[in-house]
C-alpha cells in the first residue's frame, strides 16, 4: 500500500457520499438550507486536507476543484465559513465529485494491478 492510498481512498469515499446525498436535491432547495451547505462545506474541507497530502502528479490525475470557492475561509468571529460560491459549490457536488470518485477508483485499481 502506498503512502497516498489511504488519502485517495478517503477522497473517493467522501466524493461518492457527497454525490449520493446532494445530487438528487434541486439547487433551489440546497441553497435555502444553510445546514446542508455547512455540512457539504465541512466535508469538502476534510477532503481538501487529504488533497494536500497528494503529490502534484496525482492531483493532476484527479478533477480540479477550486477549494477556496467551495470551502471559503473560516471566520472565527462568525463561527462559520465565509466567501463560499454557492453555484460553484453545487457544481462541485453534482458534477465534479462523481468524476472525482471514478478517477480515484481508477487510480487505486491501477496501484493494485
C-alpha atoms as a PDB file:
ATOM      1  CA  UNK A   1       0.000   0.000   0.000  1.00  0.00           C
ATOM      2  CA  UNK A   2       1.430   3.355  -0.975  1.00  0.00           C
ATOM      3  CA  UNK A   3       1.541   6.304   1.399  1.00  0.00           C
ATOM      4  CA  UNK A   4      -1.129   8.187  -0.565  1.00  0.00           C
ATOM      5  CA  UNK A   5      -3.549   5.277  -0.943  1.00  0.00           C
ATOM      6  CA  UNK A   6      -5.439   5.976   2.327  1.00  0.00           C
ATOM      7  CA  UNK A   7      -5.902   9.615   1.279  1.00  0.00           C
ATOM      8  CA  UNK A   8      -7.098   8.590  -2.170  1.00  0.00           C
ATOM      9  CA  UNK A   9      -9.498   6.086  -0.642  1.00  0.00           C
ATOM     10  CA  UNK A  10     -10.935   8.695   1.741  1.00  0.00           C
ATOM     11  CA  UNK A  11     -11.262  11.295  -1.030  1.00  0.00           C
ATOM     12  CA  UNK A  12     -13.067   8.807  -3.255  1.00  0.00           C
ATOM     13  CA  UNK A  13     -15.353   7.682  -0.433  1.00  0.00           C
ATOM     14  CA  UNK A  14     -16.260  11.261   0.516  1.00  0.00           C
ATOM     15  CA  UNK A  15     -16.812  12.233  -3.118  1.00  0.00           C
ATOM     16  CA  UNK A  16     -19.223   9.331  -3.640  1.00  0.00           C
ATOM     17  CA  UNK A  17     -21.059  10.018  -0.374  1.00  0.00           C
ATOM     18  CA  UNK A  18     -21.498  13.731  -1.090  1.00  0.00           C
ATOM     19  CA  UNK A  19     -22.725  12.965  -4.603  1.00  0.00           C
ATOM     20  CA  UNK A  20     -25.323  10.487  -3.327  1.00  0.00           C
ATOM     21  CA  UNK A  21     -26.524  12.939  -0.715  1.00  0.00           C
ATOM     22  CA  UNK A  22     -26.700  16.163  -2.707  1.00  0.00           C
ATOM     23  CA  UNK A  23     -27.157  15.293  -6.397  1.00  0.00           C
ATOM     24  CA  UNK A  24     -30.869  14.397  -6.039  1.00  0.00           C
ATOM     25  CA  UNK A  25     -31.594  17.690  -4.261  1.00  0.00           C
ATOM     26  CA  UNK A  26     -32.639  20.609  -6.509  1.00  0.00           C
ATOM     27  CA  UNK A  27     -30.264  23.592  -6.404  1.00  0.00           C
ATOM     28  CA  UNK A  28     -33.031  25.897  -5.100  1.00  0.00           C
ATOM     29  CA  UNK A  29     -33.662  23.614  -2.090  1.00  0.00           C
ATOM     30  CA  UNK A  30     -29.929  23.254  -1.458  1.00  0.00           C
ATOM     31  CA  UNK A  31     -29.202  26.985  -1.276  1.00  0.00           C
ATOM     32  CA  UNK A  32     -32.152  27.567   1.066  1.00  0.00           C
ATOM     33  CA  UNK A  33     -30.835  25.066   3.621  1.00  0.00           C
ATOM     34  CA  UNK A  34     -27.847  26.531   5.482  1.00  0.00           C
ATOM     35  CA  UNK A  35     -27.359  23.271   7.400  1.00  0.00           C
ATOM     36  CA  UNK A  36     -26.900  21.344   4.167  1.00  0.00           C
ATOM     37  CA  UNK A  37     -24.489  23.942   2.835  1.00  0.00           C
ATOM     38  CA  UNK A  38     -22.406  23.890   6.013  1.00  0.00           C
ATOM     39  CA  UNK A  39     -22.437  20.090   6.062  1.00  0.00           C
ATOM     40  CA  UNK A  40     -21.151  19.953   2.482  1.00  0.00           C
ATOM     41  CA  UNK A  41     -18.528  22.622   3.139  1.00  0.00           C
ATOM     42  CA  UNK A  42     -17.194  20.874   6.256  1.00  0.00           C
ATOM     43  CA  UNK A  43     -16.851  17.551   4.455  1.00  0.00           C
ATOM     44  CA  UNK A  44     -15.201  19.231   1.477  1.00  0.00           C
ATOM     45  CA  UNK A  45     -12.763  20.845   3.923  1.00  0.00           C
ATOM     46  CA  UNK A  46     -11.863  17.336   5.142  1.00  0.00           C
ATOM     47  CA  UNK A  47     -11.424  16.239   1.531  1.00  0.00           C
ATOM     48  CA  UNK A  48      -9.252  19.296   0.884  1.00  0.00           C
ATOM     49  CA  UNK A  49      -6.970  18.292   3.771  1.00  0.00           C
ATOM     50  CA  UNK A  50      -6.424  14.853   2.239  1.00  0.00           C
ATOM     51  CA  UNK A  51      -5.840  16.510  -1.136  1.00  0.00           C
ATOM     52  CA  UNK A  52      -2.890  18.463   0.285  1.00  0.00           C
ATOM     53  CA  UNK A  53      -1.096  15.182   1.070  1.00  0.00           C
ATOM     54  CA  UNK A  54      -1.275  14.002  -2.546  1.00  0.00           C
ATOM     55  CA  UNK A  55       1.589  14.590  -4.936  1.00  0.00           C
ATOM     56  CA  UNK A  56       1.044  17.151  -7.669  1.00  0.00           C
ATOM     57  CA  UNK A  57       1.175  14.298 -10.203  1.00  0.00           C
ATOM     58  CA  UNK A  58      -1.762  12.533  -8.559  1.00  0.00           C
ATOM     59  CA  UNK A  59      -3.649  15.808  -8.088  1.00  0.00           C
ATOM     60  CA  UNK A  60      -3.342  16.380 -11.844  1.00  0.00           C
ATOM     61  CA  UNK A  61      -4.891  12.949 -12.475  1.00  0.00           C
ATOM     62  CA  UNK A  62      -7.959  13.951 -10.489  1.00  0.00           C
ATOM     63  CA  UNK A  63     -10.665  16.517 -11.181  1.00  0.00           C
ATOM     64  CA  UNK A  64      -9.544  20.092 -10.464  1.00  0.00           C
ATOM     65  CA  UNK A  65     -11.515  21.783  -7.703  1.00  0.00           C
ATOM     66  CA  UNK A  66     -11.362  25.419  -6.660  1.00  0.00           C
ATOM     67  CA  UNK A  67     -11.083  24.626  -2.971  1.00  0.00           C
ATOM     68  CA  UNK A  68     -11.290  28.237  -1.814  1.00  0.00           C
ATOM     69  CA  UNK A  69     -14.544  28.812  -3.726  1.00  0.00           C
ATOM     70  CA  UNK A  70     -16.230  25.720  -2.288  1.00  0.00           C
ATOM     71  CA  UNK A  71     -14.890  25.838   1.274  1.00  0.00           C
ATOM     72  CA  UNK A  72     -14.431  29.577   1.752  1.00  0.00           C
ATOM     73  CA  UNK A  73     -12.428  30.672   4.759  1.00  0.00           C
ATOM     74  CA  UNK A  74     -13.170  30.152   8.430  1.00  0.00           C
ATOM     75  CA  UNK A  75     -14.363  33.286  10.197  1.00  0.00           C
ATOM     76  CA  UNK A  76     -13.681  32.860  13.920  1.00  0.00           C
ATOM     77  CA  UNK A  77     -15.966  35.713  14.956  1.00  0.00           C
ATOM     78  CA  UNK A  78     -18.889  34.442  12.900  1.00  0.00           C
ATOM     79  CA  UNK A  79     -18.098  30.795  13.721  1.00  0.00           C
ATOM     80  CA  UNK A  80     -18.646  29.708  10.135  1.00  0.00           C
ATOM     81  CA  UNK A  81     -17.157  29.566   6.684  1.00  0.00           C
ATOM     82  CA  UNK A  82     -17.483  32.730   4.607  1.00  0.00           C
ATOM     83  CA  UNK A  83     -16.814  33.567   0.979  1.00  0.00           C
ATOM     84  CA  UNK A  84     -18.389  30.416  -0.440  1.00  0.00           C
ATOM     85  CA  UNK A  85     -19.583  30.477  -4.040  1.00  0.00           C
ATOM     86  CA  UNK A  86     -22.862  28.526  -3.769  1.00  0.00           C
ATOM     87  CA  UNK A  87     -23.107  27.918  -7.523  1.00  0.00           C
ATOM     88  CA  UNK A  88     -19.581  26.561  -7.690  1.00  0.00           C
ATOM     89  CA  UNK A  89     -20.217  24.508  -4.553  1.00  0.00           C
ATOM     90  CA  UNK A  90     -23.299  22.971  -6.173  1.00  0.00           C
ATOM     91  CA  UNK A  91     -21.452  22.330  -9.447  1.00  0.00           C
ATOM     92  CA  UNK A  92     -18.681  20.608  -7.500  1.00  0.00           C
ATOM     93  CA  UNK A  93     -21.137  18.392  -5.611  1.00  0.00           C
ATOM     94  CA  UNK A  94     -23.185  17.248  -8.592  1.00  0.00           C
ATOM     95  CA  UNK A  95     -20.718  17.376 -11.498  1.00  0.00           C
ATOM     96  CA  UNK A  96     -17.113  17.262 -10.328  1.00  0.00           C
ATOM     97  CA  UNK A  97     -17.333  14.834  -7.413  1.00  0.00           C
ATOM     98  CA  UNK A  98     -18.882  11.952  -9.396  1.00  0.00           C
ATOM     99  CA  UNK A  99     -15.965  12.214 -11.828  1.00  0.00           C
ATOM    100  CA  UNK A 100     -13.523  12.532  -8.906  1.00  0.00           C
ATOM    101  CA  UNK A 101     -14.874   9.316  -7.424  1.00  0.00           C
ATOM    102  CA  UNK A 102     -14.448   7.468 -10.748  1.00  0.00           C
ATOM    103  CA  UNK A 103     -10.888   8.718 -11.219  1.00  0.00           C
ATOM    104  CA  UNK A 104      -9.904   7.755  -7.679  1.00  0.00           C
ATOM    105  CA  UNK A 105     -11.239   4.238  -8.312  1.00  0.00           C
ATOM    106  CA  UNK A 106      -9.160   4.027 -11.499  1.00  0.00           C
ATOM    107  CA  UNK A 107      -6.015   5.229  -9.717  1.00  0.00           C
ATOM    108  CA  UNK A 108      -6.479   2.801  -6.838  1.00  0.00           C
ATOM    109  CA  UNK A 109      -7.167  -0.050  -9.242  1.00  0.00           C
ATOM    110  CA  UNK A 110      -4.030   0.870 -11.186  1.00  0.00           C
ATOM    111  CA  UNK A 111      -1.944   0.700  -7.994  1.00  0.00           C
ATOM    112  CA  UNK A 112      -3.111  -2.849  -7.194  1.00  0.00           C
ATOM    113  CA  UNK A 113      -2.521  -4.236 -10.695  1.00  0.00           C
END
